[in-house]
C-alpha cells in the first residue's frame, strides 16, 4: 500500500514537472522539480508551525467556549493536584523569587513571545537550505544542458552506477553503495533533513493532539477574572484566593505583542499549554545542532576563532532549552509538567522516526542491486 501510494505520488509530481517545464527541456524540468520539492516542504513546515492557530480554529468552530473553558480548568487543576502530590508545584514560588531578585520582565516576556518562533524558523531554514545545497551539487547540469535525457538517481544511500554516470541526472559519487540509514552520521544531507524534519513534524502534531483533547488553562489565567477573548467571553478562572500567579505579559508587556491584541485574541488558543511546544521546539533545536555538528571538535586549535564559535554554539544549544523552560515557567505560561511532557513527546517522536529508519535499513539490506527507473526523482 505504501509503495503504491509513493509510486502514484511520484507519477503525479512528474506530470506536474513535465507539464510546467515541457517534455523536451530537461534542465528546466530539473529546476521545476527542485522548486516543487521546496514548495511542498515549505508548505508542510508552515502548516505544522500553525498547529496552535489550527487548534484555536477547531475549538472555536466545533465547541462552545464555556464548555471548552471548563475542560481546560479541570485539566489545569488536575495538573496542579499531581504536582502538589509529587512535590513539583513550585511555579508560584519561583515567579515570586524572580520578581523580587531578578526582574527584567520586558526581556523575559519578549523572549517568550519572539525567540521561540525565530530560533525554530532559523533551524528549519538552515537544514532545508543545507539539503538543497547538497542536491544542487549532485545535479549533472552539464549533461542536462546538452539535452541528455535524465535518469532517476538512486536513493540517497546509493551512488550512481559508473556506466550510467555520463547521462545520469546526478553526477557520479564515490560514496559507499550501502549506507545504514539508521546511522545518522552516515546519512546524506537530504536524509538527515528528512530525519530531523520528521521528528519535528511528528512532535508538533502530537502536541496538536494534546491541544485538541487535553486543553489546559495556563497558570497565568487561574487567578484572572477580567480577561476576555475576541468574542467577549471570560478566559480566566478567577481563583484569586487559591493562586497568586501574575500574567507578566499582561502586567508588564513585551516588545512584540500583547494578549490584548485583536489578532492574538482571535488566532491564539489560550489553552494550548499541554504539552509545551516551546519546550519541544527548543529541545529539537538543541538536538538538531548536536546531531549535525557534534558535541565537540578535537581537530581545531584553542587559538582558532572557529573553535570558540563552535564552543559558543555548542553550549548555547544546550542552554537554550533550559532557559526556555525557565522562561515559560517564570512567566506563568506553563506548568513544569507541560515542559516534562513536551520532552517526552519529543523523545517518542525521535524513537518512532529512528525505528522507521532502522526498519527501512534492514529491508534495504536485502536489495543487492539498485533499481533505476526512467522517472524523474520528484
Protein backbone atom coordinates (compact mmCIF):
# COMPACT_ATOMS: atom_id res chain seq x y z
CA UNK A 1 0.00 0.00 0.00
CA UNK A 2 2.75 2.42 0.93
CA UNK A 3 4.76 1.61 -2.20
CA UNK A 4 1.66 2.05 -4.37
CA UNK A 5 0.93 5.44 -2.83
CA UNK A 6 4.57 6.50 -3.22
CA UNK A 7 4.53 5.44 -6.89
CA UNK A 8 1.33 7.38 -7.60
CA UNK A 9 2.72 10.43 -5.82
CA UNK A 10 5.92 10.33 -7.90
CA UNK A 11 3.89 9.96 -11.10
CA UNK A 12 1.77 12.97 -10.14
CA UNK A 13 4.84 15.07 -9.45
CA UNK A 14 6.38 14.01 -12.76
CA UNK A 15 3.25 15.05 -14.66
CA UNK A 16 3.31 18.44 -12.94
CA UNK A 17 7.01 18.94 -13.68
CA UNK A 18 6.71 17.91 -17.34
CA UNK A 19 3.55 19.96 -17.76
CA UNK A 20 5.18 23.12 -16.41
CA UNK A 21 8.65 22.74 -17.93
CA UNK A 22 7.78 20.97 -21.17
CA UNK A 23 8.63 17.41 -22.23
CA UNK A 24 11.87 18.29 -24.04
CA UNK A 25 13.54 20.81 -21.71
CA UNK A 26 15.25 18.52 -19.21
CA UNK A 27 17.21 21.29 -17.50
CA UNK A 28 14.04 23.24 -16.84
CA UNK A 29 12.41 20.04 -15.58
CA UNK A 30 15.20 19.69 -13.04
CA UNK A 31 14.74 23.28 -11.85
CA UNK A 32 10.95 22.99 -11.67
CA UNK A 33 11.24 19.67 -9.86
CA UNK A 34 13.51 21.13 -7.19
CA UNK A 35 11.24 24.18 -6.88
CA UNK A 36 8.22 21.90 -6.45
CA UNK A 37 10.06 19.95 -3.77
CA UNK A 38 10.93 23.20 -1.98
CA UNK A 39 7.32 24.39 -2.21
CA UNK A 40 5.91 21.19 -0.72
CA UNK A 41 8.47 21.19 2.10
CA UNK A 42 7.84 24.84 2.98
CA UNK A 43 4.07 24.21 2.91
CA UNK A 44 4.44 21.24 5.27
CA UNK A 45 6.64 23.19 7.68
CA UNK A 46 4.36 26.25 7.61
CA UNK A 47 1.25 24.16 8.26
CA UNK A 48 2.96 22.37 11.13
CA UNK A 49 4.08 25.68 12.60
CA UNK A 50 0.45 26.83 12.72
CA UNK A 51 -0.85 23.94 14.83
CA UNK A 52 -1.65 26.32 17.71
CA UNK A 53 -3.77 28.51 15.43
CA UNK A 54 -5.38 25.44 13.86
CA UNK A 55 -6.39 24.10 17.27
CA UNK A 56 -7.90 27.51 18.11
CA UNK A 57 -9.95 27.45 14.90
CA UNK A 58 -11.21 23.92 15.55
CA UNK A 59 -12.21 24.70 19.15
CA UNK A 60 -13.89 27.98 18.20
CA UNK A 61 -15.80 26.31 15.37
CA UNK A 62 -16.84 23.00 16.90
CA UNK A 63 -17.10 23.67 20.63
CA UNK A 64 -18.97 26.03 22.93
CA UNK A 65 -16.37 28.22 24.63
CA UNK A 66 -17.94 27.82 28.08
CA UNK A 67 -17.51 24.04 27.91
CA UNK A 68 -14.03 24.46 26.43
CA UNK A 69 -13.06 26.71 29.34
CA UNK A 70 -14.41 24.30 31.96
CA UNK A 71 -12.49 21.39 30.46
CA UNK A 72 -9.30 23.48 30.40
CA UNK A 73 -9.79 24.47 34.04
CA UNK A 74 -10.46 20.86 35.08
CA UNK A 75 -7.26 19.68 33.37
CA UNK A 76 -5.25 22.53 34.90
CA UNK A 77 -6.43 21.71 38.41
CA UNK A 78 -5.62 18.03 37.78
CA UNK A 79 -2.06 19.02 36.84
CA UNK A 80 -1.75 21.23 39.94
CA UNK A 81 -3.01 18.37 42.12
CA UNK A 82 -0.49 15.98 40.57
CA UNK A 83 2.38 18.44 41.02
CA UNK A 84 1.45 19.12 44.64
CA UNK A 85 1.33 15.42 45.43
CA UNK A 86 4.69 14.82 43.72
CA UNK A 87 6.44 17.94 45.03
CA UNK A 88 6.69 19.66 41.62
CA UNK A 89 4.39 22.59 42.28
CA UNK A 90 6.94 25.36 42.73
CA UNK A 91 5.85 27.67 39.88
CA UNK A 92 4.30 30.31 42.18
CA UNK A 93 7.32 30.41 44.48
CA UNK A 94 9.71 30.61 41.53
CA UNK A 95 7.81 33.51 39.98
CA UNK A 96 7.77 35.34 43.30
CA UNK A 97 11.52 34.84 43.75
CA UNK A 98 12.21 36.00 40.20
CA UNK A 99 10.10 39.12 40.64
CA UNK A 100 11.90 40.02 43.89
CA UNK A 101 15.51 39.32 42.86
CA UNK A 102 15.76 39.18 39.05
CA UNK A 103 13.00 41.16 37.36
CA UNK A 104 13.61 42.21 33.76
CA UNK A 105 10.11 41.26 32.72
CA UNK A 106 10.31 43.06 29.39
CA UNK A 107 13.21 40.78 28.39
CA UNK A 108 11.56 37.57 29.57
CA UNK A 109 8.19 38.44 28.03
CA UNK A 110 9.85 39.29 24.72
CA UNK A 111 11.90 36.10 24.92
CA UNK A 112 8.68 34.10 25.35
CA UNK A 113 6.91 35.95 22.52
CA UNK A 114 9.69 36.12 19.92
CA UNK A 115 12.66 33.82 20.49
CA UNK A 116 10.60 30.62 20.28
CA UNK A 117 9.37 31.12 16.67
CA UNK A 118 12.51 32.91 15.46
CA UNK A 119 15.04 30.28 16.55
CA UNK A 120 12.87 27.42 15.30
CA UNK A 121 12.46 29.05 11.87
CA UNK A 122 16.22 29.66 11.67
CA UNK A 123 16.97 26.00 12.32
CA UNK A 124 14.32 24.81 9.86
CA UNK A 125 15.64 27.10 7.15
CA UNK A 126 19.20 26.01 7.91
CA UNK A 127 18.56 22.29 7.44
CA UNK A 128 16.33 22.95 4.41
CA UNK A 129 18.94 25.10 2.64
CA UNK A 130 21.64 22.60 3.60
CA UNK A 131 19.66 19.82 1.95
CA UNK A 132 19.02 21.76 -1.26
CA UNK A 133 22.64 22.88 -1.41
CA UNK A 134 23.67 19.23 -1.38
CA UNK A 135 21.12 18.34 -4.07
CA UNK A 136 22.27 21.16 -6.34
CA UNK A 137 25.87 19.98 -6.17
CA UNK A 138 24.75 16.50 -7.19
CA UNK A 139 22.86 17.52 -10.33
CA UNK A 140 24.71 16.89 -13.59
CA UNK A 141 23.78 20.25 -15.09
CA UNK A 142 26.24 19.87 -17.97
CA UNK A 143 24.57 16.75 -19.32
CA UNK A 144 21.12 18.28 -18.86
CA UNK A 145 22.23 21.41 -20.72
CA UNK A 146 23.36 19.23 -23.59
CA UNK A 147 19.87 17.77 -23.82
CA UNK A 148 20.55 14.33 -22.35
CA UNK A 149 17.50 12.51 -21.03
CA UNK A 150 17.88 12.45 -17.22
CA UNK A 151 17.59 9.17 -15.41
CA UNK A 152 16.25 8.92 -11.91
CA UNK A 153 19.03 8.90 -9.35
CA UNK A 154 19.35 6.01 -6.96
CA UNK A 155 18.18 6.56 -3.39
CA UNK A 156 20.27 8.89 -1.25
CA UNK A 157 22.05 5.92 0.28
CA UNK A 158 23.45 4.58 -3.05
CA UNK A 159 25.61 6.29 -5.73
CA UNK A 160 25.03 6.34 -9.47
CA UNK A 161 26.47 3.32 -11.22
CA UNK A 162 29.68 4.19 -13.16
CA UNK A 163 28.26 3.09 -16.51
CA UNK A 164 25.32 5.47 -16.04
CA UNK A 165 27.24 8.42 -14.69
CA UNK A 166 27.72 10.07 -18.10
CA UNK A 167 23.98 10.57 -18.68
CA UNK A 168 22.51 10.36 -15.20
CA UNK A 169 20.54 13.16 -13.64
CA UNK A 170 23.03 13.15 -10.78
CA UNK A 171 26.80 13.21 -11.05
CA UNK A 172 28.73 10.12 -10.00
CA UNK A 173 29.56 9.65 -6.36
CA UNK A 174 32.40 7.73 -4.80
CA UNK A 175 30.49 7.01 -1.61
CA UNK A 176 29.75 3.51 -0.45
CA UNK A 177 26.78 1.86 -2.11
CA UNK A 178 25.44 0.63 1.21
CA UNK A 179 24.81 3.12 3.98
CA UNK A 180 22.99 2.21 7.16
CA UNK A 181 20.11 4.68 7.20
CA UNK A 182 19.65 4.14 10.92
CA UNK A 183 23.08 5.71 11.50
CA UNK A 184 22.64 9.48 11.34
CA UNK A 185 26.32 10.19 10.64
CA UNK A 186 26.21 8.01 7.52
CA UNK A 187 23.14 9.66 6.06
CA UNK A 188 23.30 12.13 3.21
CA UNK A 189 22.25 15.75 3.96
CA UNK A 190 18.92 15.00 2.27
CA UNK A 191 18.32 12.03 4.54
CA UNK A 192 19.43 13.98 7.60
CA UNK A 193 16.98 16.73 6.71
CA UNK A 194 14.12 14.27 6.33
CA UNK A 195 15.03 12.60 9.61
CA UNK A 196 15.15 15.85 11.59
CA UNK A 197 12.12 17.28 9.82
CA UNK A 198 10.13 14.13 10.51
CA UNK A 199 10.97 14.28 14.23
CA UNK A 200 9.91 17.94 14.39
CA UNK A 201 6.72 17.47 12.40
CA UNK A 202 5.65 14.37 14.35
CA UNK A 203 6.29 16.01 17.72
CA UNK A 204 4.38 19.15 16.69
CA UNK A 205 1.35 17.18 15.54
CA UNK A 206 1.41 15.05 18.68
CA UNK A 207 1.29 18.26 20.69
CA UNK A 208 -1.58 19.37 18.45
CA UNK A 209 -3.50 16.27 19.56
CA UNK A 210 -2.86 17.36 23.14
CA UNK A 211 -4.22 20.83 22.37
CA UNK A 212 -7.39 19.26 20.96
CA UNK A 213 -8.14 16.64 23.59
CA UNK A 214 -6.36 17.96 26.69
CA UNK A 215 -6.94 21.73 26.71
CA UNK A 216 -5.22 23.16 29.77
CA UNK A 217 -5.59 26.57 31.36
CA UNK A 218 -2.10 28.04 31.91
CA UNK A 219 -1.09 29.25 35.38
CA UNK A 220 -1.37 32.92 34.43
CA UNK A 221 -5.14 32.55 33.84
CA UNK A 222 -6.04 30.77 37.09
CA UNK A 223 -6.45 33.96 39.18
CA UNK A 224 -7.61 36.17 36.27
CA UNK A 225 -11.19 37.46 36.35
CA UNK A 226 -11.37 40.17 33.69
CA UNK A 227 -9.51 38.94 30.60
CA UNK A 228 -11.90 38.47 27.65
CA UNK A 229 -11.38 36.78 24.30
CA UNK A 230 -12.39 38.20 20.91
CA UNK A 231 -15.99 37.04 21.45
CA UNK A 232 -16.22 38.77 24.84
CA UNK A 233 -16.12 35.60 26.97
CA UNK A 234 -14.08 35.41 30.16
CA UNK A 235 -10.94 33.32 29.64
CA UNK A 236 -9.66 33.13 33.23
CA UNK A 237 -10.78 31.06 36.22
CA UNK A 238 -10.94 33.88 38.84
CA UNK A 239 -9.43 31.65 41.55
CA UNK A 240 -7.90 34.61 43.36
CA UNK A 241 -7.73 33.01 46.78
CA UNK A 242 -6.11 29.74 45.68
CA UNK A 243 -3.49 31.12 43.30
CA UNK A 244 -1.28 34.21 43.07
CA UNK A 245 0.20 33.85 39.59
CA UNK A 246 0.89 37.07 37.70
CA UNK A 247 0.27 37.37 33.96
CA UNK A 248 3.61 39.01 33.26
CA UNK A 249 2.87 39.89 29.63
CA UNK A 250 -0.45 41.43 30.65
CA UNK A 251 1.15 43.31 33.57
CA UNK A 252 4.46 44.39 32.03
CA UNK A 253 4.02 43.89 28.28
CA UNK A 254 6.54 42.74 25.68
CA UNK A 255 8.29 44.40 22.77
CA UNK A 256 6.41 42.32 20.19
CA UNK A 257 2.77 41.74 21.08
CA UNK A 258 0.28 41.75 23.93
CA UNK A 259 -2.55 39.43 24.91
CA UNK A 260 -4.99 42.28 24.24
CA UNK A 261 -4.03 42.49 20.56
CA UNK A 262 -7.08 41.53 18.49
CA UNK A 263 -5.05 39.24 16.24
CA UNK A 264 -3.72 37.36 19.27
CA UNK A 265 -7.19 37.04 20.79
CA UNK A 266 -8.59 35.74 17.50
CA UNK A 267 -5.82 33.37 16.37
CA UNK A 268 -4.29 32.14 19.61
CA UNK A 269 -5.57 29.16 21.58
CA UNK A 270 -5.33 30.34 25.20
CA UNK A 271 -5.44 26.74 26.46
CA UNK A 272 -2.74 25.27 24.19
CA UNK A 273 -0.43 24.54 27.10
CA UNK A 274 -0.17 20.75 27.38
CA UNK A 275 2.36 19.77 26.20
CA UNK A 276 4.61 22.81 25.83
CA UNK A 277 5.56 23.46 22.21
CA UNK A 278 8.13 25.98 23.44
CA UNK A 279 9.94 23.11 25.17
CA UNK A 280 9.53 20.70 22.26
CA UNK A 281 10.88 23.11 19.66
CA UNK A 282 13.75 24.37 21.84
CA UNK A 283 14.88 20.82 22.65
CA UNK A 284 14.56 19.89 18.96
CA UNK A 285 16.82 22.80 18.00
CA UNK A 286 19.44 21.65 20.51
CA UNK A 287 19.16 18.07 19.28
CA UNK A 288 19.50 19.21 15.66
CA UNK A 289 22.66 21.19 16.31
CA UNK A 290 24.32 18.43 18.30
CA UNK A 291 23.43 15.76 15.72
CA UNK A 292 24.67 17.83 12.78
CA UNK A 293 27.80 19.39 14.27
CA UNK A 294 28.60 17.12 17.19
CA UNK A 295 29.18 17.95 20.85
CA UNK A 296 32.82 18.98 20.36
CA UNK A 297 35.66 19.30 17.85
CA UNK A 298 39.07 17.81 18.56
CA UNK A 299 40.63 18.97 15.27
CA UNK A 300 40.54 22.72 15.95
CA UNK A 301 43.17 24.61 17.91
CA UNK A 302 42.29 26.61 21.01
CA UNK A 303 43.65 29.67 19.20
CA UNK A 304 41.24 29.22 16.30
CA UNK A 305 38.20 31.54 16.26
CA UNK A 306 36.21 28.63 14.82
CA UNK A 307 36.89 26.63 17.96
CA UNK A 308 35.39 29.30 20.20
CA UNK A 309 32.49 29.90 17.81
CA UNK A 310 31.68 26.18 17.81
CA UNK A 311 32.02 26.11 21.61
CA UNK A 312 29.67 29.09 21.93
CA UNK A 313 27.10 27.48 19.63
CA UNK A 314 27.53 24.10 21.33
CA UNK A 315 26.95 25.37 24.84
CA UNK A 316 24.32 27.79 23.59
CA UNK A 317 22.36 24.95 22.04
CA UNK A 318 22.45 23.09 25.35
CA UNK A 319 21.48 26.15 27.40
CA UNK A 320 18.71 27.26 25.04
CA UNK A 321 16.06 24.69 26.08
CA UNK A 322 16.97 25.17 29.75
CA UNK A 323 16.48 28.94 29.51
CA UNK A 324 13.27 28.39 27.56
CA UNK A 325 11.81 26.12 30.24
CA UNK A 326 12.75 28.65 32.90
CA UNK A 327 11.11 31.42 30.86
CA UNK A 328 7.80 29.65 30.25
CA UNK A 329 7.51 28.70 33.93
CA UNK A 330 8.57 32.02 35.45
CA UNK A 331 6.19 33.97 33.15
CA UNK A 332 3.35 31.63 34.28
CA UNK A 333 2.58 30.45 30.75
CA UNK A 334 3.23 26.77 31.51
CA UNK A 335 3.41 24.31 34.35
CA UNK A 336 6.58 22.32 34.84
CA UNK A 337 4.53 19.26 33.83
CA UNK A 338 3.91 20.83 30.42
CA UNK A 339 7.65 21.02 29.85
CA UNK A 340 8.28 17.47 31.06
CA UNK A 341 5.56 16.05 28.83
CA UNK A 342 6.96 18.11 25.94
CA UNK A 343 10.32 16.38 26.36
CA UNK A 344 8.55 13.00 26.46
CA UNK A 345 6.69 13.84 23.23
CA UNK A 346 9.96 14.75 21.52
CA UNK A 347 11.58 11.52 22.75
CA UNK A 348 8.65 9.45 21.45
CA UNK A 349 8.82 11.21 18.08
CA UNK A 350 12.55 10.59 17.81
CA UNK A 351 12.11 6.92 18.73
CA UNK A 352 9.36 6.43 16.14
CA UNK A 353 11.38 8.03 13.34
CA UNK A 354 14.53 6.16 14.33
CA UNK A 355 12.72 2.82 14.40
CA UNK A 356 11.21 3.55 10.99
CA UNK A 357 14.66 4.29 9.54
CA UNK A 358 16.02 1.16 11.19
CA UNK A 359 13.24 -0.88 9.61
CA UNK A 360 13.94 0.67 6.19
CA UNK A 361 17.65 -0.03 6.59
CA UNK A 362 17.08 -3.70 7.31
CA UNK A 363 14.64 -4.03 4.45
CA UNK A 364 17.05 -2.36 2.01
CA UNK A 365 19.86 -4.66 3.07
CA UNK A 366 18.10 -7.44 1.15
CA UNK A 367 18.33 -5.45 -2.09
CA UNK A 368 21.81 -6.06 -3.50
CA UNK A 369 21.33 -4.24 -6.83
CA UNK A 370 19.91 -0.70 -7.01
CA UNK A 371 16.93 -0.30 -9.33
CA UNK A 372 16.95 2.56 -11.85
CA UNK A 373 13.82 3.89 -13.47
CA UNK A 374 13.16 6.46 -16.15
CA UNK A 375 11.08 8.77 -13.97
CA UNK A 376 12.32 12.00 -12.50
CA UNK A 377 13.09 11.99 -8.74
CA UNK A 378 10.34 14.38 -7.75
